[in-house]
N, C-alpha and C. Protein backbone atom coordinates (compact mmCIF):
# COMPACT_ATOMS: atom_id res chain seq x y z
N MET A 1 -7.41 87.67 53.45
CA MET A 1 -7.29 86.17 53.15
C MET A 1 -8.35 85.58 53.95
N GLN A 2 -9.47 85.09 53.48
CA GLN A 2 -10.39 84.04 54.04
C GLN A 2 -10.28 82.33 54.10
N THR A 3 -10.08 82.15 54.82
CA THR A 3 -9.83 80.48 54.87
C THR A 3 -10.92 79.45 55.61
N ASP A 4 -11.37 78.30 55.24
CA ASP A 4 -12.30 78.05 55.70
C ASP A 4 -11.80 76.55 56.00
N LEU A 5 -11.64 76.53 57.29
CA LEU A 5 -10.60 75.34 58.19
C LEU A 5 -11.33 74.04 57.96
N TRP A 6 -12.81 74.19 57.96
CA TRP A 6 -13.52 72.67 57.90
C TRP A 6 -13.22 72.07 56.66
N SER A 7 -13.43 73.07 55.27
CA SER A 7 -13.06 72.57 53.73
C SER A 7 -11.81 72.02 53.99
N GLN A 8 -10.78 72.66 54.41
CA GLN A 8 -9.55 72.03 54.32
C GLN A 8 -9.31 70.57 55.06
N PHE A 9 -9.99 70.82 56.40
CA PHE A 9 -9.83 69.48 57.20
C PHE A 9 -10.42 68.33 56.32
N GLY A 10 -11.69 68.33 55.60
CA GLY A 10 -12.43 67.80 54.92
C GLY A 10 -11.46 67.12 53.94
N GLY A 11 -10.95 68.05 53.18
CA GLY A 11 -9.94 67.13 52.23
C GLY A 11 -9.02 66.49 52.53
N LEU A 12 -8.68 66.38 53.75
CA LEU A 12 -7.46 65.50 54.25
C LEU A 12 -8.34 64.06 54.67
N VAL A 13 -9.18 64.09 55.02
CA VAL A 13 -10.12 62.79 55.34
C VAL A 13 -11.03 62.06 54.49
N ALA A 14 -11.64 63.12 53.38
CA ALA A 14 -12.51 62.61 52.78
C ALA A 14 -12.31 61.44 51.84
N GLY A 15 -13.01 61.08 51.05
CA GLY A 15 -12.84 60.08 50.16
C GLY A 15 -12.84 58.33 50.52
N ALA A 16 -12.92 57.56 49.57
CA ALA A 16 -12.91 56.16 50.10
C ALA A 16 -12.09 55.60 50.42
N PRO A 17 -11.76 54.37 51.08
CA PRO A 17 -10.65 54.03 51.02
C PRO A 17 -9.88 52.97 49.96
N ARG A 18 -8.73 53.39 49.66
CA ARG A 18 -8.39 52.53 48.88
C ARG A 18 -7.61 51.32 49.12
N TYR A 19 -7.16 49.81 48.47
CA TYR A 19 -7.13 48.82 48.98
C TYR A 19 -6.38 48.26 47.68
N LEU A 20 -5.39 47.37 48.01
CA LEU A 20 -4.51 46.33 47.16
C LEU A 20 -5.36 45.29 46.56
N ALA A 21 -5.14 44.98 45.46
CA ALA A 21 -6.21 43.51 45.17
C ALA A 21 -5.44 43.13 43.84
N HIS A 22 -5.50 41.84 43.58
CA HIS A 22 -4.84 41.13 42.26
C HIS A 22 -6.10 41.10 41.31
N VAL A 23 -5.58 41.47 40.27
CA VAL A 23 -6.63 41.52 38.90
C VAL A 23 -6.02 40.10 38.11
N PHE A 24 -7.04 39.68 38.26
CA PHE A 24 -6.91 38.34 37.34
C PHE A 24 -7.40 37.98 36.15
N SER A 25 -8.32 38.80 35.69
CA SER A 25 -8.98 38.81 34.01
C SER A 25 -9.69 40.17 33.80
N HIS A 26 -9.61 40.30 32.48
CA HIS A 26 -10.09 41.72 32.13
C HIS A 26 -11.56 41.35 31.44
N ASN A 27 -12.34 42.15 31.61
CA ASN A 27 -14.01 41.57 30.82
C ASN A 27 -14.04 42.75 29.46
N ALA A 28 -15.03 42.22 28.44
CA ALA A 28 -15.02 42.83 27.77
C ALA A 28 -15.83 44.37 27.59
N ASP A 29 -16.28 44.32 28.83
CA ASP A 29 -17.09 45.43 28.94
C ASP A 29 -16.37 46.72 29.67
N GLY A 30 -15.17 46.36 29.79
CA GLY A 30 -14.28 47.55 30.53
C GLY A 30 -13.97 47.47 31.92
N THR A 31 -14.61 46.24 32.52
CA THR A 31 -14.24 45.87 34.10
C THR A 31 -13.26 44.90 34.11
N SER A 32 -12.75 44.84 35.43
CA SER A 32 -11.67 43.76 35.95
C SER A 32 -12.16 42.66 36.83
N ASN A 33 -11.73 41.73 36.82
CA ASN A 33 -12.07 40.72 37.68
C ASN A 33 -10.92 40.64 38.87
N VAL A 34 -11.11 40.77 40.43
CA VAL A 34 -10.14 41.28 41.04
C VAL A 34 -10.52 40.38 42.49
N GLN A 35 -9.29 40.07 42.82
CA GLN A 35 -9.36 39.28 44.28
C GLN A 35 -8.60 40.15 45.20
N THR A 36 -9.20 40.61 46.39
CA THR A 36 -8.74 41.00 47.57
C THR A 36 -7.83 40.15 48.32
N LEU A 37 -7.11 40.93 49.05
CA LEU A 37 -6.21 40.04 49.99
C LEU A 37 -6.83 39.28 50.78
N GLU A 38 -7.90 39.45 51.16
CA GLU A 38 -8.74 38.83 52.03
C GLU A 38 -9.10 37.41 51.49
N GLY A 39 -9.08 37.45 50.19
CA GLY A 39 -9.71 36.01 49.54
C GLY A 39 -10.99 36.20 48.53
N GLY A 40 -11.86 37.49 49.12
CA GLY A 40 -12.88 37.47 48.10
C GLY A 40 -12.60 38.28 46.89
N THR A 41 -13.65 37.91 45.94
CA THR A 41 -13.50 38.17 44.50
C THR A 41 -14.74 39.28 44.26
N MET A 42 -14.53 40.17 43.51
CA MET A 42 -15.22 41.21 42.82
C MET A 42 -14.97 41.93 41.43
N ARG A 43 -16.03 42.41 40.97
CA ARG A 43 -15.79 43.15 39.71
C ARG A 43 -15.47 44.36 39.95
N ALA A 44 -14.66 45.44 38.97
CA ALA A 44 -14.36 46.65 39.52
C ALA A 44 -14.24 47.10 37.80
N ASN A 45 -14.59 48.39 38.14
CA ASN A 45 -14.87 49.37 37.03
C ASN A 45 -13.46 50.04 36.60
N GLY A 46 -13.13 49.73 35.20
CA GLY A 46 -11.64 50.03 34.37
C GLY A 46 -10.82 48.82 34.47
N GLN A 47 -9.68 49.23 33.85
CA GLN A 47 -8.81 48.50 33.08
C GLN A 47 -7.57 49.11 33.17
N LEU A 48 -6.49 48.64 33.21
CA LEU A 48 -4.96 49.00 33.43
C LEU A 48 -4.61 48.51 31.76
N SER A 49 -3.56 49.00 31.32
CA SER A 49 -2.88 48.40 30.07
C SER A 49 -2.11 47.23 30.04
N GLN A 50 -1.83 47.00 31.73
CA GLN A 50 -0.71 45.91 31.90
C GLN A 50 -1.95 44.34 31.82
N THR A 51 -1.11 43.01 31.40
CA THR A 51 -1.60 42.15 31.15
C THR A 51 -1.88 41.42 32.22
N PRO A 52 -3.28 40.73 32.80
CA PRO A 52 -3.29 40.13 33.97
C PRO A 52 -2.63 38.94 34.07
N PRO A 53 -1.87 38.23 35.17
CA PRO A 53 -2.45 38.78 36.55
C PRO A 53 -1.44 39.92 36.84
N TYR A 54 -1.96 40.77 37.67
CA TYR A 54 -0.87 42.25 38.33
C TYR A 54 -1.96 42.80 39.53
N THR A 55 -0.91 43.57 40.03
CA THR A 55 -1.44 43.76 41.27
C THR A 55 -2.20 45.57 41.03
N ALA A 56 -3.30 45.83 41.56
CA ALA A 56 -3.60 47.27 41.59
C ALA A 56 -4.31 47.93 42.58
N TRP A 57 -4.61 49.49 42.55
CA TRP A 57 -5.13 49.78 43.57
C TRP A 57 -6.48 50.13 43.51
N ILE A 58 -7.59 49.63 44.02
CA ILE A 58 -9.02 49.83 44.04
C ILE A 58 -9.67 50.83 44.98
N GLN A 59 -10.30 51.86 44.28
CA GLN A 59 -10.99 52.58 45.15
C GLN A 59 -12.34 52.99 44.55
N ASP A 60 -13.31 52.90 45.38
CA ASP A 60 -14.79 53.00 44.83
C ASP A 60 -15.16 52.27 43.81
N GLY A 61 -14.92 50.95 44.08
CA GLY A 61 -15.21 49.67 43.01
C GLY A 61 -14.50 50.14 41.77
N ARG A 62 -13.45 50.88 41.70
CA ARG A 62 -12.75 50.97 40.15
C ARG A 62 -11.26 50.88 40.57
N VAL A 63 -10.77 50.53 39.42
CA VAL A 63 -9.15 50.44 39.25
C VAL A 63 -8.62 51.46 39.08
N VAL A 64 -7.91 51.94 40.19
CA VAL A 64 -6.98 53.38 40.07
C VAL A 64 -5.71 53.36 39.40
N ASP A 65 -5.16 52.40 39.99
CA ASP A 65 -3.50 52.71 39.91
C ASP A 65 -2.77 51.00 39.70
N ALA A 66 -1.53 51.05 39.35
CA ALA A 66 -0.78 49.86 39.29
C ALA A 66 -0.37 49.87 40.76
N GLY A 67 -0.35 48.61 41.37
CA GLY A 67 0.25 48.26 42.56
C GLY A 67 1.66 47.99 42.79
N PRO A 68 2.18 47.67 43.84
CA PRO A 68 3.49 47.10 43.67
C PRO A 68 3.63 45.78 43.68
N ASN A 69 4.42 45.07 43.14
CA ASN A 69 4.42 43.77 42.45
C ASN A 69 5.52 43.16 43.95
N LEU A 70 4.82 42.79 45.15
CA LEU A 70 5.71 42.29 45.93
C LEU A 70 5.08 40.95 46.83
N PRO A 71 5.82 40.61 47.30
CA PRO A 71 5.23 39.39 47.99
C PRO A 71 4.16 39.58 49.55
N LEU A 72 3.18 39.05 49.69
CA LEU A 72 2.57 38.93 50.44
C LEU A 72 2.63 38.62 51.80
N VAL A 73 2.78 39.13 53.00
CA VAL A 73 3.36 38.62 54.19
C VAL A 73 2.25 38.43 55.32
N ALA A 74 1.35 37.73 55.47
CA ALA A 74 0.36 38.17 56.87
C ALA A 74 0.95 37.69 57.85
N LEU A 75 0.94 38.39 58.95
CA LEU A 75 1.32 38.19 60.30
C LEU A 75 0.17 38.27 61.06
N GLU A 76 -0.02 37.21 62.30
CA GLU A 76 -1.17 37.42 63.18
C GLU A 76 -0.30 37.61 64.55
N VAL A 77 -0.83 38.67 65.27
CA VAL A 77 -0.30 38.99 66.76
C VAL A 77 -0.98 38.89 67.92
């Protein structure tokens, strides 16, 4: 059995980061307007079947999945 450890390792760390954002509107071209938790806004590709506003996971500039509907608490240490 031949294994390529480097490609197995790459499968663990590869990929763009995923972050949580609030989707506040859908556009006619299939994109969504989202607001990040830091307060910035952007247009992401894709829409979910939910009616805005809702929370979604954003990865590589596209809406990938529904996020948890929990209150946000920000603490500074």
